[in-house]
Structures are given as structure tokens and as C-alpha cells.
């Protein structure tokens, strides 16, 4: 059995975002561009409905990136 912290609290999301600002800034840019295209095209356009794809995909990527960073943080804390 591994020794270490079992059930340890993960670091706050803000701390994880500070570690990788460029990635999260690019994620925010993707969402902003998709939302702007939705606003300017209107719900009758195919662009409006296709803009949901990058928004959902970016949300999934943000979640996966936060999970990855928190696992790295916890793994680094085990070595201390």
C-alpha cells in the first residue's frame, strides 16, 4: 500500500489556473470567439449552432487540464 495523504484536499482552482495562465487564456479566447460568432450570427444560422461545439469542447478541456494539474500538484506534494 502506498504511504502518503489519503483523501487529501486538492489545491484551489485559482492556484492551478495561475500555474498555467497561457492555456487558460487561450481557452477563454476560444469561448469568447464562439460566443461572439453566436451573437452576430443569430439563432437562425448554422454558425450559431456550430459554435456550441467549441464551447463544449473547451469546457471539457478546461476540466481535464485542471484535473491533470491537481494530480501533478498532489504527486509533487507526496515527494516532500
N, C-alpha and C. Protein backbone atom coordinates (compact mmCIF):
# COMPACT_ATOMS: atom_id res chain seq x y z
N UNK A 1 0.83 -1.17 0.00
CA UNK A 1 0.00 0.00 0.00
C UNK A 1 0.89 1.25 0.00
N UNK A 2 0.45 2.26 -0.71
CA UNK A 2 1.23 3.48 -0.79
C UNK A 2 1.05 4.31 0.47
N UNK A 3 2.12 4.93 0.88
CA UNK A 3 2.01 5.84 2.01
C UNK A 3 1.74 7.24 1.48
N UNK A 4 1.28 8.09 2.32
CA UNK A 4 1.03 9.46 1.90
C UNK A 4 -0.33 9.92 2.38
N UNK A 5 -0.77 10.99 1.77
CA UNK A 5 -2.04 11.58 2.19
C UNK A 5 -3.17 10.89 1.44
N UNK A 6 -4.05 10.28 2.17
CA UNK A 6 -5.22 9.66 1.57
C UNK A 6 -6.40 10.60 1.73
N UNK A 7 -7.10 10.82 0.64
CA UNK A 7 -8.23 11.72 0.69
C UNK A 7 -7.82 13.17 0.89
N UNK A 8 -6.63 13.51 0.45
CA UNK A 8 -6.13 14.87 0.64
C UNK A 8 -6.94 15.85 -0.21
N UNK A 9 -7.08 17.03 0.31
CA UNK A 9 -7.80 18.06 -0.41
C UNK A 9 -6.97 18.53 -1.60
N UNK A 10 -7.66 18.75 -2.70
CA UNK A 10 -6.97 19.24 -3.89
C UNK A 10 -6.71 20.74 -3.73
N UNK A 11 -5.71 21.23 -4.43
CA UNK A 11 -5.44 22.66 -4.35
C UNK A 11 -6.58 23.47 -4.96
N UNK A 12 -6.75 24.71 -4.55
CA UNK A 12 -7.81 25.55 -5.12
C UNK A 12 -7.63 25.73 -6.62
N UNK A 13 -8.74 25.87 -7.32
CA UNK A 13 -8.70 26.00 -8.78
C UNK A 13 -7.93 27.26 -9.19
N UNK A 14 -8.06 28.33 -8.43
CA UNK A 14 -7.34 29.56 -8.75
C UNK A 14 -5.84 29.37 -8.75
N UNK A 15 -5.35 28.56 -7.84
CA UNK A 15 -3.91 28.28 -7.79
C UNK A 15 -3.49 27.50 -9.03
N UNK A 16 -4.31 26.55 -9.44
CA UNK A 16 -3.98 25.75 -10.62
C UNK A 16 -4.01 26.60 -11.89
N UNK A 17 -4.96 27.51 -11.97
CA UNK A 17 -5.04 28.39 -13.14
C UNK A 17 -3.83 29.31 -13.20
N UNK A 18 -3.36 29.78 -12.05
CA UNK A 18 -2.17 30.64 -12.01
C UNK A 18 -0.93 29.92 -12.53
N UNK A 19 -0.89 28.60 -12.36
CA UNK A 19 0.27 27.83 -12.81
C UNK A 19 0.34 27.75 -14.33
N UNK A 20 -0.79 27.79 -15.00
CA UNK A 20 -0.83 27.60 -16.44
C UNK A 20 -1.70 28.67 -17.09
N UNK A 21 -1.33 29.92 -16.91
CA UNK A 21 -2.14 31.05 -17.35
C UNK A 21 -2.36 31.06 -18.85
N UNK A 22 -1.33 30.72 -19.64
CA UNK A 22 -1.43 30.81 -21.09
C UNK A 22 -2.50 29.85 -21.62
N UNK A 23 -2.50 28.63 -21.15
CA UNK A 23 -3.50 27.66 -21.60
C UNK A 23 -4.92 28.14 -21.28
N UNK A 24 -5.12 28.62 -20.08
CA UNK A 24 -6.46 29.06 -19.69
C UNK A 24 -6.86 30.35 -20.40
N UNK A 25 -5.89 31.19 -20.74
CA UNK A 25 -6.20 32.38 -21.53
C UNK A 25 -6.63 31.99 -22.94
N UNK A 26 -5.98 30.99 -23.51
CA UNK A 26 -6.38 30.51 -24.83
C UNK A 26 -7.76 29.85 -24.79
N UNK A 27 -8.05 29.12 -23.73
CA UNK A 27 -9.38 28.53 -23.58
C UNK A 27 -10.44 29.63 -23.51
N UNK A 28 -10.15 30.68 -22.76
CA UNK A 28 -11.09 31.80 -22.65
C UNK A 28 -11.28 32.48 -24.01
N UNK A 29 -10.21 32.63 -24.77
CA UNK A 29 -10.29 33.25 -26.09
C UNK A 29 -11.17 32.42 -27.04
N UNK A 30 -11.04 31.11 -26.99
CA UNK A 30 -11.87 30.24 -27.82
C UNK A 30 -13.34 30.43 -27.48
N UNK A 31 -13.65 30.48 -26.20
CA UNK A 31 -15.04 30.64 -25.78
C UNK A 31 -15.58 32.01 -26.18
N UNK A 32 -14.77 33.06 -26.04
CA UNK A 32 -15.21 34.41 -26.40
C UNK A 32 -15.48 34.50 -27.89
N UNK A 33 -14.60 33.93 -28.73
CA UNK A 33 -14.81 33.97 -30.17
C UNK A 33 -16.08 33.20 -30.55
N UNK A 34 -16.30 32.06 -29.92
CA UNK A 34 -17.51 31.29 -30.21
C UNK A 34 -18.76 32.06 -29.79
N UNK A 35 -18.71 32.70 -28.62
CA UNK A 35 -19.87 33.48 -28.17
C UNK A 35 -20.13 34.69 -29.07
N UNK A 36 -19.06 35.35 -29.52
CA UNK A 36 -19.23 36.49 -30.43
C UNK A 36 -19.83 36.04 -31.76
N UNK A 37 -19.39 34.90 -32.26
CA UNK A 37 -19.98 34.41 -33.51
C UNK A 37 -21.45 34.05 -33.32
N UNK A 38 -21.80 33.57 -32.13
CA UNK A 38 -23.21 33.28 -31.85
C UNK A 38 -24.03 34.57 -31.80
N UNK A 39 -23.48 35.59 -31.18
CA UNK A 39 -24.20 36.86 -31.05
C UNK A 39 -24.43 37.50 -32.41
N UNK A 40 -23.40 37.50 -33.25
CA UNK A 40 -23.50 38.19 -34.54
C UNK A 40 -24.21 37.37 -35.61
N UNK A 41 -24.33 36.07 -35.45
CA UNK A 41 -24.98 35.27 -36.49
C UNK A 41 -26.47 35.09 -36.23
N UNK A 42 -26.87 34.98 -34.98
CA UNK A 42 -28.28 34.79 -34.66
C UNK A 42 -28.67 33.32 -34.68
N UNK A 43 -29.77 32.99 -33.99
CA UNK A 43 -30.15 31.57 -33.85
C UNK A 43 -30.64 30.91 -35.14
N UNK A 44 -30.88 31.67 -36.18
CA UNK A 44 -31.32 31.08 -37.44
C UNK A 44 -30.19 30.59 -38.31
N UNK A 45 -28.97 30.84 -37.90
CA UNK A 45 -27.80 30.48 -38.71
C UNK A 45 -27.16 29.19 -38.20
N UNK A 46 -26.53 28.48 -39.13
CA UNK A 46 -25.81 27.26 -38.76
C UNK A 46 -24.59 27.58 -37.90
N UNK A 47 -24.02 28.76 -38.10
CA UNK A 47 -22.85 29.17 -37.31
C UNK A 47 -23.21 29.24 -35.83
N UNK A 48 -24.40 29.71 -35.54
CA UNK A 48 -24.86 29.80 -34.15
C UNK A 48 -24.84 28.43 -33.50
N UNK A 49 -25.38 27.44 -34.17
CA UNK A 49 -25.48 26.10 -33.59
C UNK A 49 -24.14 25.38 -33.60
N UNK A 50 -23.29 25.65 -34.59
CA UNK A 50 -21.96 25.03 -34.62
C UNK A 50 -21.02 25.63 -33.58
N UNK A 51 -21.34 26.81 -33.09
CA UNK A 51 -20.49 27.45 -32.08
C UNK A 51 -20.59 26.73 -30.73
N UNK A 52 -21.62 25.90 -30.56
CA UNK A 52 -21.71 25.13 -29.32
C UNK A 52 -20.62 24.07 -29.24
N UNK A 53 -20.15 23.59 -30.38
CA UNK A 53 -19.12 22.54 -30.39
C UNK A 53 -17.83 23.01 -29.72
N UNK A 54 -17.25 24.16 -30.13
CA UNK A 54 -16.02 24.58 -29.43
C UNK A 54 -16.25 24.98 -27.98
N UNK A 55 -17.44 25.47 -27.65
CA UNK A 55 -17.71 25.84 -26.26
C UNK A 55 -17.72 24.59 -25.38
N UNK A 56 -18.40 23.55 -25.83
CA UNK A 56 -18.45 22.31 -25.06
C UNK A 56 -17.08 21.65 -25.01
N UNK A 57 -16.39 21.62 -26.15
CA UNK A 57 -15.06 21.01 -26.19
C UNK A 57 -14.08 21.75 -25.28
N UNK A 58 -14.15 23.06 -25.27
CA UNK A 58 -13.27 23.84 -24.41
C UNK A 58 -13.59 23.60 -22.94
N UNK A 59 -14.86 23.49 -22.62
CA UNK A 59 -15.24 23.17 -21.24
C UNK A 59 -14.66 21.84 -20.79
N UNK A 60 -14.71 20.85 -21.67
CA UNK A 60 -14.13 19.54 -21.35
C UNK A 60 -12.62 19.64 -21.19
N UNK A 61 -11.97 20.38 -22.09
CA UNK A 61 -10.51 20.54 -22.00
C UNK A 61 -10.09 21.27 -20.73
N UNK A 62 -10.86 22.28 -20.33
CA UNK A 62 -10.56 23.01 -19.09
C UNK A 62 -10.66 22.06 -17.89
N UNK A 63 -11.73 21.27 -17.86
CA UNK A 63 -11.90 20.32 -16.76
C UNK A 63 -10.75 19.32 -16.72
N UNK A 64 -10.37 18.78 -17.87
CA UNK A 64 -9.29 17.80 -17.91
C UNK A 64 -7.95 18.43 -17.52
N UNK A 65 -7.72 19.69 -17.92
CA UNK A 65 -6.46 20.36 -17.59
C UNK A 65 -6.38 20.62 -16.08
N UNK A 66 -7.49 21.02 -15.48
CA UNK A 66 -7.50 21.25 -14.03
C UNK A 66 -7.26 19.94 -13.29
N UNK A 67 -7.89 18.86 -13.74
CA UNK A 67 -7.66 17.56 -13.11
C UNK A 67 -6.20 17.14 -13.23
N UNK A 68 -5.60 17.33 -14.40
CA UNK A 68 -4.20 16.97 -14.61
C UNK A 68 -3.27 17.79 -13.71
N UNK A 69 -3.51 19.09 -13.65
CA UNK A 69 -2.68 19.95 -12.80
C UNK A 69 -2.83 19.61 -11.32
N UNK A 70 -4.04 19.26 -10.90
CA UNK A 70 -4.22 18.92 -9.49
C UNK A 70 -3.54 17.59 -9.16
N UNK A 71 -3.57 16.63 -10.11
CA UNK A 71 -2.85 15.38 -9.87
C UNK A 71 -1.35 15.61 -9.79
N UNK A 72 -0.83 16.48 -10.65
CA UNK A 72 0.60 16.81 -10.58
C UNK A 72 0.95 17.47 -9.26
N UNK A 73 0.09 18.37 -8.81
CA UNK A 73 0.33 19.07 -7.54
C UNK A 73 0.35 18.09 -6.37
N UNK A 74 -0.61 17.17 -6.38
CA UNK A 74 -0.66 16.18 -5.29
C UNK A 74 0.54 15.22 -5.35
N UNK A 75 0.95 14.85 -6.56
CA UNK A 75 2.09 13.96 -6.70
C UNK A 75 3.37 14.65 -6.23
N UNK A 76 3.52 15.94 -6.53
CA UNK A 76 4.68 16.69 -6.07
C UNK A 76 4.68 16.84 -4.57
N UNK A 77 3.49 16.96 -3.97
CA UNK A 77 3.41 17.09 -2.52
C UNK A 77 3.80 15.78 -1.82
N UNK A 78 3.61 14.64 -2.48
CA UNK A 78 3.98 13.35 -1.89
C UNK A 78 5.49 13.20 -1.77
N UNK A 79 6.23 13.90 -2.63
CA UNK A 79 7.69 13.80 -2.59
C UNK A 79 8.33 14.66 -1.51
N UNK A 80 7.56 15.55 -0.91
CA UNK A 80 8.12 16.43 0.11
C UNK A 80 8.39 15.73 1.41
